[in-house]
Amino acid sequence: MGEEGRRYSIVLKNRSNLRLEAVLLVDGLDVLDGRSASVRKRGYVVGPHRTLIVEGFRQSNDAVAAFRFSPVPESHAQEKFGRNRNVGVVGLALFNECGTYPWTDREVKRRP
């Protein structure tokens, strides 16, 4: 259970031998541009056996607006766009690199 005002991060661990693209959303908003989320948007590329930590909505290459637990009326989605339908939802769309196939028997058996 989140406490109001506390920061949180999203941690993704790629345990495969493949490069993966992760399109992330928080409160229905894309974490890279802070606008409506879509699987057609670009995401983060996570290398094999690498970990990605996303600490907030990207504002520039160097700055992020921290993820914080808040009441619905004070959520980023409500304040910026007047929408609260997906507040509290954290979503992920994961894509393998073109030309790779992640569901081989060897890859599936290797995962914990």
PDB file of N, CA and C in Angstrom:
ATOM      1  N   MET A   1       0.846  -1.178   0.000  1.00  0.00           N
ATOM      2  CA  MET A   1       0.000   0.000   0.000  1.00  0.00           C
ATOM      3  C   MET A   1       0.890   1.239   0.000  1.00  0.00           C
ATOM      4  N   GLY A   2       0.650   2.134  -0.921  1.00  0.00           N
ATOM      5  CA  GLY A   2       1.441   3.361  -1.008  1.00  0.00           C
ATOM      6  C   GLY A   2       0.988   4.393  -0.001  1.00  0.00           C
ATOM      7  N   GLU A   3       1.934   5.161   0.477  1.00  0.00           N
ATOM      8  CA  GLU A   3       1.627   6.248   1.406  1.00  0.00           C
ATOM      9  C   GLU A   3       1.649   7.558   0.646  1.00  0.00           C
ATOM     10  N   GLU A   4       0.640   8.392   0.866  1.00  0.00           N
ATOM     11  CA  GLU A   4       0.529   9.668   0.183  1.00  0.00           C
ATOM     12  C   GLU A   4       1.825  10.472   0.287  1.00  0.00           C
ATOM     13  N   GLY A   5       2.275  10.966  -0.861  1.00  0.00           N
ATOM     14  CA  GLY A   5       3.484  11.771  -0.914  1.00  0.00           C
ATOM     15  C   GLY A   5       4.774  10.996  -1.127  1.00  0.00           C
ATOM     16  N   ARG A   6       4.752   9.686  -0.867  1.00  0.00           N
ATOM     17  CA  ARG A   6       5.985   8.889  -1.039  1.00  0.00           C
ATOM     18  C   ARG A   6       6.275   8.645  -2.506  1.00  0.00           C
ATOM     19  N   ARG A   7       7.554   8.672  -2.828  1.00  0.00           N
ATOM     20  CA  ARG A   7       8.006   8.373  -4.182  1.00  0.00           C
ATOM     21  C   ARG A   7       8.029   6.866  -4.410  1.00  0.00           C
ATOM     22  N   TYR A   8       7.922   6.485  -5.654  1.00  0.00           N
ATOM     23  CA  TYR A   8       8.111   5.088  -6.021  1.00  0.00           C
ATOM     24  C   TYR A   8       8.789   5.017  -7.375  1.00  0.00           C
ATOM     25  N   SER A   9       9.367   3.887  -7.676  1.00  0.00           N
ATOM     26  CA  SER A   9      10.044   3.630  -8.948  1.00  0.00           C
ATOM     27  C   SER A   9       9.503   2.345  -9.541  1.00  0.00           C
ATOM     28  N   ILE A  10       9.684   2.196 -10.833  1.00  0.00           N
ATOM     29  CA  ILE A  10       9.331   0.961 -11.526  1.00  0.00           C
ATOM     30  C   ILE A  10      10.647   0.286 -11.906  1.00  0.00           C
ATOM     31  N   VAL A  11      10.803  -0.979 -11.531  1.00  0.00           N
ATOM     32  CA  VAL A  11      12.026  -1.726 -11.801  1.00  0.00           C
ATOM     33  C   VAL A  11      11.691  -2.877 -12.753  1.00  0.00           C
ATOM     34  N   LEU A  12      12.388  -2.895 -13.889  1.00  0.00           N
ATOM     35  CA  LEU A  12      12.221  -3.972 -14.865  1.00  0.00           C
ATOM     36  C   LEU A  12      13.528  -4.736 -14.979  1.00  0.00           C
ATOM     37  N   LYS A  13      13.447  -6.057 -14.874  1.00  0.00           N
ATOM     38  CA  LYS A  13      14.629  -6.904 -15.030  1.00  0.00           C
ATOM     39  C   LYS A  13      14.441  -7.781 -16.255  1.00  0.00           C
ATOM     40  N   ASN A  14      15.347  -7.649 -17.188  1.00  0.00           N
ATOM     41  CA  ASN A  14      15.323  -8.476 -18.391  1.00  0.00           C
ATOM     42  C   ASN A  14      16.169  -9.710 -18.101  1.00  0.00           C
ATOM     43  N   ARG A  15      15.534 -10.826 -17.882  1.00  0.00           N
ATOM     44  CA  ARG A  15      16.244 -12.065 -17.571  1.00  0.00           C
ATOM     45  C   ARG A  15      16.460 -12.929 -18.806  1.00  0.00           C
ATOM     46  N   SER A  16      16.203 -12.357 -19.948  1.00  0.00           N
ATOM     47  CA  SER A  16      16.373 -13.123 -21.186  1.00  0.00           C
ATOM     48  C   SER A  16      17.714 -12.796 -21.837  1.00  0.00           C
ATOM     49  N   ASN A  17      17.996 -13.496 -22.937  1.00  0.00           N
ATOM     50  CA  ASN A  17      19.195 -13.245 -23.733  1.00  0.00           C
ATOM     51  C   ASN A  17      18.910 -12.277 -24.874  1.00  0.00           C
ATOM     52  N   LEU A  18      17.754 -11.638 -24.862  1.00  0.00           N
ATOM     53  CA  LEU A  18      17.313 -10.767 -25.948  1.00  0.00           C
ATOM     54  C   LEU A  18      17.229  -9.316 -25.502  1.00  0.00           C
ATOM     55  N   ARG A  19      17.364  -8.401 -26.463  1.00  0.00           N
ATOM     56  CA  ARG A  19      17.057  -6.994 -26.199  1.00  0.00           C
ATOM     57  C   ARG A  19      15.546  -6.856 -26.279  1.00  0.00           C
ATOM     58  N   LEU A  20      14.964  -6.137 -25.334  1.00  0.00           N
ATOM     59  CA  LEU A  20      13.519  -5.943 -25.286  1.00  0.00           C
ATOM     60  C   LEU A  20      13.194  -4.458 -25.247  1.00  0.00           C
ATOM     61  N   GLU A  21      12.051  -4.094 -25.807  1.00  0.00           N
ATOM     62  CA  GLU A  21      11.557  -2.727 -25.704  1.00  0.00           C
ATOM     63  C   GLU A  21      10.391  -2.729 -24.734  1.00  0.00           C
ATOM     64  N   ALA A  22      10.444  -1.834 -23.744  1.00  0.00           N
ATOM     65  CA  ALA A  22       9.405  -1.733 -22.719  1.00  0.00           C
ATOM     66  C   ALA A  22       8.697  -0.390 -22.850  1.00  0.00           C
ATOM     67  N   VAL A  23       7.403  -0.429 -23.176  1.00  0.00           N
ATOM     68  CA  VAL A  23       6.572   0.770 -23.217  1.00  0.00           C
ATOM     69  C   VAL A  23       5.801   0.795 -21.906  1.00  0.00           C
ATOM     70  N   LEU A  24       6.061   1.820 -21.083  1.00  0.00           N
ATOM     71  CA  LEU A  24       5.489   1.897 -19.743  1.00  0.00           C
ATOM     72  C   LEU A  24       4.455   3.006 -19.635  1.00  0.00           C
ATOM     73  N   LEU A  25       3.428   2.747 -18.833  1.00  0.00           N
ATOM     74  CA  LEU A  25       2.450   3.788 -18.543  1.00  0.00           C
ATOM     75  C   LEU A  25       2.163   3.808 -17.046  1.00  0.00           C
ATOM     76  N   VAL A  26       1.878   4.996 -16.566  1.00  0.00           N
ATOM     77  CA  VAL A  26       1.445   5.208 -15.182  1.00  0.00           C
ATOM     78  C   VAL A  26       0.239   6.131 -15.246  1.00  0.00           C
ATOM     79  N   ASP A  27      -0.839   5.749 -14.607  1.00  0.00           N
ATOM     80  CA  ASP A  27      -2.082   6.530 -14.605  1.00  0.00           C
ATOM     81  C   ASP A  27      -2.610   6.781 -16.021  1.00  0.00           C
ATOM     82  N   GLY A  28      -2.313   5.865 -16.943  1.00  0.00           N
ATOM     83  CA  GLY A  28      -2.770   6.005 -18.317  1.00  0.00           C
ATOM     84  C   GLY A  28      -1.900   6.900 -19.173  1.00  0.00           C
ATOM     85  N   LEU A  29      -0.762   7.361 -18.622  1.00  0.00           N
ATOM     86  CA  LEU A  29       0.130   8.261 -19.342  1.00  0.00           C
ATOM     87  C   LEU A  29       1.459   7.581 -19.635  1.00  0.00           C
ATOM     88  N   ASP A  30       1.993   7.827 -20.826  1.00  0.00           N
ATOM     89  CA  ASP A  30       3.287   7.293 -21.235  1.00  0.00           C
ATOM     90  C   ASP A  30       4.372   7.931 -20.375  1.00  0.00           C
ATOM     91  N   VAL A  31       5.267   7.133 -19.819  1.00  0.00           N
ATOM     92  CA  VAL A  31       6.295   7.678 -18.928  1.00  0.00           C
ATOM     93  C   VAL A  31       7.365   8.466 -19.681  1.00  0.00           C
ATOM     94  N   LEU A  32       7.471   8.287 -21.004  1.00  0.00           N
ATOM     95  CA  LEU A  32       8.482   9.019 -21.759  1.00  0.00           C
ATOM     96  C   LEU A  32       8.048  10.440 -22.133  1.00  0.00           C
ATOM     97  N   ASP A  33       6.750  10.646 -22.374  1.00  0.00           N
ATOM     98  CA  ASP A  33       6.320  11.993 -22.759  1.00  0.00           C
ATOM     99  C   ASP A  33       5.196  12.562 -21.899  1.00  0.00           C
ATOM    100  N   GLY A  34       4.654  11.767 -20.962  1.00  0.00           N
ATOM    101  CA  GLY A  34       3.606  12.267 -20.066  1.00  0.00           C
ATOM    102  C   GLY A  34       2.261  12.465 -20.730  1.00  0.00           C
ATOM    103  N   ARG A  35       2.098  11.976 -21.950  1.00  0.00           N
ATOM    104  CA  ARG A  35       0.830  12.102 -22.670  1.00  0.00           C
ATOM    105  C   ARG A  35       0.130  10.744 -22.700  1.00  0.00           C
ATOM    106  N   SER A  36      -1.032  10.699 -23.326  1.00  0.00           N
ATOM    107  CA  SER A  36      -1.786   9.443 -23.388  1.00  0.00           C
ATOM    108  C   SER A  36      -0.907   8.305 -23.871  1.00  0.00           C
ATOM    109  N   ALA A  37      -1.022   7.176 -23.197  1.00  0.00           N
ATOM    110  CA  ALA A  37      -0.195   6.011 -23.506  1.00  0.00           C
ATOM    111  C   ALA A  37      -0.736   5.276 -24.726  1.00  0.00           C
ATOM    112  N   SER A  38       0.162   4.608 -25.443  1.00  0.00           N
ATOM    113  CA  SER A  38      -0.200   3.795 -26.596  1.00  0.00           C
ATOM    114  C   SER A  38       0.914   2.787 -26.853  1.00  0.00           C
ATOM    115  N   VAL A  39       0.536   1.594 -27.264  1.00  0.00           N
ATOM    116  CA  VAL A  39       1.556   0.589 -27.611  1.00  0.00           C
ATOM    117  C   VAL A  39       2.281   0.949 -28.891  1.00  0.00           C
ATOM    118  N   ARG A  40       1.801   1.935 -29.614  1.00  0.00           N
ATOM    119  CA  ARG A  40       2.463   2.371 -30.848  1.00  0.00           C
ATOM    120  C   ARG A  40       3.612   3.340 -30.579  1.00  0.00           C
ATOM    121  N   LYS A  41       3.750   3.780 -29.336  1.00  0.00           N
ATOM    122  CA  LYS A  41       4.825   4.711 -28.987  1.00  0.00           C
ATOM    123  C   LYS A  41       6.121   3.958 -28.727  1.00  0.00           C
ATOM    124  N   ARG A  42       7.212   4.694 -28.754  1.00  0.00           N
ATOM    125  CA  ARG A  42       8.528   4.130 -28.449  1.00  0.00           C
ATOM    126  C   ARG A  42       8.658   3.894 -26.957  1.00  0.00           C
ATOM    127  N   GLY A  43       9.545   2.985 -26.596  1.00  0.00           N
ATOM    128  CA  GLY A  43       9.773   2.693 -25.187  1.00  0.00           C
ATOM    129  C   GLY A  43      11.251   2.653 -24.874  1.00  0.00           C
ATOM    130  N   TYR A  44      11.559   2.137 -23.711  1.00  0.00           N
ATOM    131  CA  TYR A  44      12.942   1.948 -23.281  1.00  0.00           C
ATOM    132  C   TYR A  44      13.457   0.632 -23.849  1.00  0.00           C
ATOM    133  N   VAL A  45      14.700   0.606 -24.312  1.00  0.00           N
ATOM    134  CA  VAL A  45      15.336  -0.633 -24.750  1.00  0.00           C
ATOM    135  C   VAL A  45      16.143  -1.164 -23.567  1.00  0.00           C
ATOM    136  N   VAL A  46      15.844  -2.408 -23.193  1.00  0.00           N
ATOM    137  CA  VAL A  46      16.508  -3.039 -22.052  1.00  0.00           C
ATOM    138  C   VAL A  46      17.346  -4.193 -22.590  1.00  0.00           C
ATOM    139  N   GLY A  47      18.649  -4.102 -22.406  1.00  0.00           N
ATOM    140  CA  GLY A  47      19.561  -5.114 -22.904  1.00  0.00           C
ATOM    141  C   GLY A  47      19.430  -6.435 -22.168  1.00  0.00           C
ATOM    142  N   PRO A  48      19.984  -7.505 -22.733  1.00  0.00           N
ATOM    143  CA  PRO A  48      19.936  -8.814 -22.080  1.00  0.00           C
ATOM    144  C   PRO A  48      20.547  -8.758 -20.680  1.00  0.00           C
ATOM    145  N   HIS A  49      19.843  -9.327 -19.733  1.00  0.00           N
ATOM    146  CA  HIS A  49      20.304  -9.439 -18.345  1.00  0.00           C
ATOM    147  C   HIS A  49      20.581  -8.077 -17.707  1.00  0.00           C
ATOM    148  N   ARG A  50      19.870  -7.047 -18.163  1.00  0.00           N
ATOM    149  CA  ARG A  50      20.027  -5.704 -17.616  1.00  0.00           C
ATOM    150  C   ARG A  50      18.788  -5.330 -16.816  1.00  0.00           C
ATOM    151  N   THR A  51      18.939  -4.333 -15.967  1.00  0.00           N
ATOM    152  CA  THR A  51      17.839  -3.826 -15.155  1.00  0.00           C
ATOM    153  C   THR A  51      17.598  -2.368 -15.506  1.00  0.00           C
ATOM    154  N   LEU A  52      16.339  -1.997 -15.631  1.00  0.00           N
ATOM    155  CA  LEU A  52      15.937  -0.622 -15.892  1.00  0.00           C
ATOM    156  C   LEU A  52      15.163  -0.125 -14.686  1.00  0.00           C
ATOM    157  N   ILE A  53      15.532   1.041 -14.188  1.00  0.00           N
ATOM    158  CA  ILE A  53      14.801   1.675 -13.087  1.00  0.00           C
ATOM    159  C   ILE A  53      14.239   2.987 -13.614  1.00  0.00           C
ATOM    160  N   VAL A  54      12.919   3.120 -13.583  1.00  0.00           N
ATOM    161  CA  VAL A  54      12.243   4.329 -14.044  1.00  0.00           C
ATOM    162  C   VAL A  54      11.687   5.031 -12.813  1.00  0.00           C
ATOM    163  N   GLU A  55      12.166   6.243 -12.565  1.00  0.00           N
ATOM    164  CA  GLU A  55      11.824   6.959 -11.330  1.00  0.00           C
ATOM    165  C   GLU A  55      10.749   8.022 -11.510  1.00  0.00           C
ATOM    166  N   GLY A  56      10.322   8.261 -12.767  1.00  0.00           N
ATOM    167  CA  GLY A  56       9.291   9.271 -12.977  1.00  0.00           C
ATOM    168  C   GLY A  56       9.039   9.521 -14.446  1.00  0.00           C
ATOM    169  N   PHE A  57       8.140  10.472 -14.710  1.00  0.00           N
ATOM    170  CA  PHE A  57       7.843  10.872 -16.076  1.00  0.00           C
ATOM    171  C   PHE A  57       9.026  11.667 -16.629  1.00  0.00           C
ATOM    172  N   ARG A  58       9.513  11.269 -17.789  1.00  0.00           N
ATOM    173  CA  ARG A  58      10.667  11.926 -18.390  1.00  0.00           C
ATOM    174  C   ARG A  58      10.280  13.333 -18.829  1.00  0.00           C
ATOM    175  N   GLN A  59      11.069  14.323 -18.421  1.00  0.00           N
ATOM    176  CA  GLN A  59      10.861  15.711 -18.827  1.00  0.00           C
ATOM    177  C   GLN A  59      11.930  16.160 -19.824  1.00  0.00           C
ATOM    178  N   SER A  60      13.098  15.558 -19.747  1.00  0.00           N
ATOM    179  CA  SER A  60      14.202  15.808 -20.674  1.00  0.00           C
ATOM    180  C   SER A  60      15.149  14.621 -20.553  1.00  0.00           C
ATOM    181  N   ASN A  61      16.276  14.666 -21.239  1.00  0.00           N
ATOM    182  CA  ASN A  61      17.245  13.577 -21.118  1.00  0.00           C
ATOM    183  C   ASN A  61      17.798  13.462 -19.706  1.00  0.00           C
ATOM    184  N   ASP A  62      17.794  14.561 -18.957  1.00  0.00           N
ATOM    185  CA  ASP A  62      18.399  14.575 -17.637  1.00  0.00           C
ATOM    186  C   ASP A  62      17.410  14.688 -16.478  1.00  0.00           C
ATOM    187  N   ALA A  63      16.157  15.013 -16.745  1.00  0.00           N
ATOM    188  CA  ALA A  63      15.210  15.294 -15.653  1.00  0.00           C
ATOM    189  C   ALA A  63      13.948  14.446 -15.754  1.00  0.00           C
ATOM    190  N   VAL A  64      13.430  14.065 -14.583  1.00  0.00           N
ATOM    191  CA  VAL A  64      12.155  13.347 -14.509  1.00  0.00           C
ATOM    192  C   VAL A  64      11.284  13.987 -13.427  1.00  0.00           C
ATOM    193  N   ALA A  65       9.973  13.875 -13.611  1.00  0.00           N
ATOM    194  CA  ALA A  65       9.011  14.270 -12.576  1.00  0.00           C
ATOM    195  C   ALA A  65       8.712  13.000 -11.791  1.00  0.00           C
ATOM    196  N   ALA A  66       9.122  12.959 -10.557  1.00  0.00           N
ATOM    197  CA  ALA A  66       9.048  11.752  -9.732  1.00  0.00           C
ATOM    198  C   ALA A  66       7.637  11.186  -9.660  1.00  0.00           C
ATOM    199  N   PHE A  67       7.561   9.848  -9.663  1.00  0.00           N
ATOM    200  CA  PHE A  67       6.297   9.182  -9.373  1.00  0.00           C
ATOM    201  C   PHE A  67       6.037   9.334  -7.882  1.00  0.00           C
ATOM    202  N   ARG A  68       4.822   9.758  -7.521  1.00  0.00           N
ATOM    203  CA  ARG A  68       4.441   9.886  -6.110  1.00  0.00           C
ATOM    204  C   ARG A  68       3.022   9.360  -5.927  1.00  0.00           C
ATOM    205  N   PHE A  69       2.800   8.735  -4.780  1.00  0.00           N
ATOM    206  CA  PHE A  69       1.456   8.319  -4.438  1.00  0.00           C
ATOM    207  C   PHE A  69       0.669   9.564  -4.040  1.00  0.00           C
ATOM    208  N   SER A  70      -0.547   9.701  -4.592  1.00  0.00           N
ATOM    209  CA  SER A  70      -1.364  10.876  -4.284  1.00  0.00           C
ATOM    210  C   SER A  70      -2.840  10.529  -4.406  1.00  0.00           C
ATOM    211  N   PRO A  71      -3.701  11.354  -3.809  1.00  0.00           N
ATOM    212  CA  PRO A  71      -5.138  11.158  -4.007  1.00  0.00           C
ATOM    213  C   PRO A  71      -5.486  11.401  -5.484  1.00  0.00           C
ATOM    214  N   VAL A  72      -6.559  10.805  -5.958  1.00  0.00           N
ATOM    215  CA  VAL A  72      -6.948  10.910  -7.364  1.00  0.00           C
ATOM    216  C   VAL A  72      -7.036  12.368  -7.833  1.00  0.00           C
ATOM    217  N   PRO A  73      -7.669  13.278  -7.081  1.00  0.00           N
ATOM    218  CA  PRO A  73      -7.759  14.661  -7.578  1.00  0.00           C
ATOM    219  C   PRO A  73      -6.405  15.357  -7.732  1.00  0.00           C
ATOM    220  N   GLU A  74      -5.372  14.846  -7.080  1.00  0.00           N
ATOM    221  CA  GLU A  74      -4.042  15.451  -7.156  1.00  0.00           C
ATOM    222  C   GLU A  74      -3.089  14.664  -8.055  1.00  0.00           C
ATOM    223  N   SER A  75      -3.616  13.666  -8.756  1.00  0.00           N
ATOM    224  CA  SER A  75      -2.757  12.852  -9.633  1.00  0.00           C
ATOM    225  C   SER A  75      -2.290  13.681 -10.824  1.00  0.00           C
ATOM    226  N   HIS A  76      -1.168  13.268 -11.399  1.00  0.00           N
ATOM    227  CA  HIS A  76      -0.604  13.943 -12.569  1.00  0.00           C
ATOM    228  C   HIS A  76      -1.609  13.942 -13.719  1.00  0.00           C
ATOM    229  N   ALA A  77      -2.275  12.819 -13.950  1.00  0.00           N
ATOM    230  CA  ALA A  77      -3.243  12.701 -15.040  1.00  0.00           C
ATOM    231  C   ALA A  77      -4.428  13.644 -14.839  1.00  0.00           C
ATOM    232  N   GLN A  78      -4.909  13.752 -13.619  1.00  0.00           N
ATOM    233  CA  GLN A  78      -6.047  14.624 -13.329  1.00  0.00           C
ATOM    234  C   GLN A  78      -5.646  16.097 -13.452  1.00  0.00           C
ATOM    235  N   GLU A  79      -4.507  16.450 -12.877  1.00  0.00           N
ATOM    236  CA  GLU A  79      -4.087  17.851 -12.893  1.00  0.00           C
ATOM    237  C   GLU A  79      -3.704  18.325 -14.298  1.00  0.00           C
ATOM    238  N   LYS A  80      -3.045  17.470 -15.078  1.00  0.00           N
ATOM    239  CA  LYS A  80      -2.564  17.883 -16.396  1.00  0.00           C
ATOM    240  C   LYS A  80      -3.630  17.775 -17.480  1.00  0.00           C
ATOM    241  N   PHE A  81      -4.443  16.702 -17.431  1.00  0.00           N
ATOM    242  CA  PHE A  81      -5.387  16.440 -18.520  1.00  0.00           C
ATOM    243  C   PHE A  81      -6.848  16.375 -18.080  1.00  0.00           C
ATOM    244  N   GLY A  82      -7.114  16.479 -16.768  1.00  0.00           N
ATOM    245  CA  GLY A  82      -8.492  16.387 -16.290  1.00  0.00           C
ATOM    246  C   GLY A  82      -9.065  14.990 -16.415  1.00  0.00           C
ATOM    247  N   ARG A  83      -8.181  13.973 -16.419  1.00  0.00           N
ATOM    248  CA  ARG A  83      -8.617  12.573 -16.548  1.00  0.00           C
ATOM    249  C   ARG A  83      -8.212  11.786 -15.315  1.00  0.00           C
ATOM    250  N   ASN A  84      -9.129  10.975 -14.828  1.00  0.00           N
ATOM    251  CA  ASN A  84      -8.779  10.132 -13.680  1.00  0.00           C
ATOM    252  C   ASN A  84      -9.166   8.672 -13.896  1.00  0.00           C
ATOM    253  N   ARG A  85      -9.555   8.332 -15.108  1.00  0.00           N
ATOM    254  CA  ARG A  85     -10.033   6.977 -15.396  1.00  0.00           C
ATOM    255  C   ARG A  85      -9.001   5.894 -15.076  1.00  0.00           C
ATOM    256  N   ASN A  86      -7.722   6.123 -15.370  1.00  0.00           N
ATOM    257  CA  ASN A  86      -6.694   5.101 -15.179  1.00  0.00           C
ATOM    258  C   ASN A  86      -5.736   5.405 -14.033  1.00  0.00           C
ATOM    259  N   VAL A  87      -6.135   6.308 -13.150  1.00  0.00           N
ATOM    260  CA  VAL A  87      -5.264   6.628 -12.015  1.00  0.00           C
ATOM    261  C   VAL A  87      -5.081   5.366 -11.173  1.00  0.00           C
ATOM    262  N   GLY A  88      -3.840   5.079 -10.843  1.00  0.00           N
ATOM    263  CA  GLY A  88      -3.523   3.872 -10.072  1.00  0.00           C
ATOM    264  C   GLY A  88      -3.108   2.696 -10.936  1.00  0.00           C
ATOM    265  N   VAL A  89      -3.191   2.853 -12.254  1.00  0.00           N
ATOM    266  CA  VAL A  89      -2.830   1.773 -13.173  1.00  0.00           C
ATOM    267  C   VAL A  89      -1.384   1.950 -13.629  1.00  0.00           C
ATOM    268  N   VAL A  90      -0.596   0.905 -13.483  1.00  0.00           N
ATOM    269  CA  VAL A  90       0.757   0.853 -14.024  1.00  0.00           C
ATOM    270  C   VAL A  90       0.731  -0.241 -15.083  1.00  0.00           C
ATOM    271  N   GLY A  91       1.110   0.113 -16.301  1.00  0.00           N
ATOM    272  CA  GLY A  91       1.030  -0.845 -17.393  1.00  0.00           C
ATOM    273  C   GLY A  91       2.353  -1.012 -18.108  1.00  0.00           C
ATOM    274  N   LEU A  92       2.487  -2.127 -18.792  1.00  0.00           N
ATOM    275  CA  LEU A  92       3.704  -2.460 -19.520  1.00  0.00           C
ATOM    276  C   LEU A  92       3.342  -3.214 -20.794  1.00  0.00           C
ATOM    277  N   ALA A  93       3.905  -2.767 -21.907  1.00  0.00           N
ATOM    278  CA  ALA A  93       3.855  -3.530 -23.156  1.00  0.00           C
ATOM    279  C   ALA A  93       5.297  -3.870 -23.473  1.00  0.00           C
ATOM    280  N   LEU A  94       5.559  -5.130 -23.726  1.00  0.00           N
ATOM    281  CA  LEU A  94       6.925  -5.608 -23.927  1.00  0.00           C
ATOM    282  C   LEU A  94       7.055  -6.192 -25.332  1.00  0.00           C
ATOM    283  N   PHE A  95       8.116  -5.783 -26.037  1.00  0.00           N
ATOM    284  CA  PHE A  95       8.320  -6.221 -27.410  1.00  0.00           C
ATOM    285  C   PHE A  95       9.726  -6.780 -27.564  1.00  0.00           C
ATOM    286  N   ASN A  96       9.845  -7.900 -28.281  1.00  0.00           N
ATOM    287  CA  ASN A  96      11.165  -8.430 -28.604  1.00  0.00           C
ATOM    288  C   ASN A  96      11.663  -7.763 -29.877  1.00  0.00           C
ATOM    289  N   GLU A  97      12.965  -7.808 -30.070  1.00  0.00           N
ATOM    290  CA  GLU A  97      13.591  -7.183 -31.223  1.00  0.00           C
ATOM    291  C   GLU A  97      13.189  -7.915 -32.500  1.00  0.00           C
ATOM    292  N   CYS A  98      12.987  -7.164 -33.559  1.00  0.00           N
ATOM    293  CA  CYS A  98      12.613  -7.737 -34.850  1.00  0.00           C
ATOM    294  C   CYS A  98      13.620  -8.825 -35.242  1.00  0.00           C
ATOM    295  N   GLY A  99      13.108  -9.965 -35.665  1.00  0.00           N
ATOM    296  CA  GLY A  99      13.981 -11.063 -36.086  1.00  0.00           C
ATOM    297  C   GLY A  99      14.326 -12.033 -34.973  1.00  0.00           C
ATOM    298  N   THR A 100      13.865 -11.765 -33.755  1.00  0.00           N
ATOM    299  CA  THR A 100      14.113 -12.687 -32.639  1.00  0.00           C
ATOM    300  C   THR A 100      12.803 -13.344 -32.241  1.00  0.00           C
ATOM    301  N   TYR A 101      12.917 -14.495 -31.628  1.00  0.00           N
ATOM    302  CA  TYR A 101      11.736 -15.223 -31.166  1.00  0.00           C
ATOM    303  C   TYR A 101      12.006 -15.680 -29.735  1.00  0.00           C
ATOM    304  N   PRO A 102      11.350 -15.031 -28.736  1.00  0.00           N
ATOM    305  CA  PRO A 102      11.679 -15.291 -27.334  1.00  0.00           C
ATOM    306  C   PRO A 102      11.115 -16.587 -26.763  1.00  0.00           C
ATOM    307  N   TRP A 103      10.236 -17.259 -27.466  1.00  0.00           N
ATOM    308  CA  TRP A 103       9.545 -18.398 -26.844  1.00  0.00           C
ATOM    309  C   TRP A 103      10.108 -19.744 -27.257  1.00  0.00           C
ATOM    310  N   THR A 104      11.404 -19.803 -27.474  1.00  0.00           N
ATOM    311  CA  THR A 104      12.022 -21.097 -27.752  1.00  0.00           C
ATOM    312  C   THR A 104      12.014 -21.925 -26.475  1.00  0.00           C
ATOM    313  N   ASP A 105      12.050 -23.227 -26.598  1.00  0.00           N
ATOM    314  CA  ASP A 105      12.055 -24.103 -25.423  1.00  0.00           C
ATOM    315  C   ASP A 105      13.218 -23.776 -24.490  1.00  0.00           C
ATOM    316  N   ARG A 106      14.376 -23.516 -25.059  1.00  0.00           N
ATOM    317  CA  ARG A 106      15.556 -23.233 -24.240  1.00  0.00           C
ATOM    318  C   ARG A 106      15.355 -21.967 -23.408  1.00  0.00           C
ATOM    319  N   GLU A 107      14.804 -20.916 -23.998  1.00  0.00           N
ATOM    320  CA  GLU A 107      14.603 -19.650 -23.271  1.00  0.00           C
ATOM    321  C   GLU A 107      13.561 -19.815 -22.166  1.00  0.00           C
ATOM    322  N   VAL A 108      12.474 -20.480 -22.467  1.00  0.00           N
ATOM    323  CA  VAL A 108      11.416 -20.656 -21.452  1.00  0.00           C
ATOM    324  C   VAL A 108      11.919 -21.508 -20.284  1.00  0.00           C
ATOM    325  N   LYS A 109      12.657 -22.578 -20.547  1.00  0.00           N
ATOM    326  CA  LYS A 109      13.175 -23.454 -19.478  1.00  0.00           C
ATOM    327  C   LYS A 109      14.216 -22.749 -18.627  1.00  0.00           C
ATOM    328  N   ARG A 110      14.953 -21.795 -19.205  1.00  0.00           N
ATOM    329  CA  ARG A 110      16.015 -21.109 -18.509  1.00  0.00           C
ATOM    330  C   ARG A 110      15.500 -20.136 -17.439  1.00  0.00           C
ATOM    331  N   ARG A 111      14.282 -19.642 -17.596  1.00  0.00           N
ATOM    332  CA  ARG A 111      13.754 -18.632 -16.679  1.00  0.00           C
ATOM    333  C   ARG A 111      13.359 -19.243 -15.355  1.00  0.00           C
ATOM    334  N   PRO A 112      13.575 -18.477 -14.244  1.00  0.00           N
ATOM    335  CA  PRO A 112      13.235 -19.002 -12.907  1.00  0.00           C
ATOM    336  C   PRO A 112      11.743 -19.084 -12.683  1.00  0.00           C
TER     337      PRO A 112
END
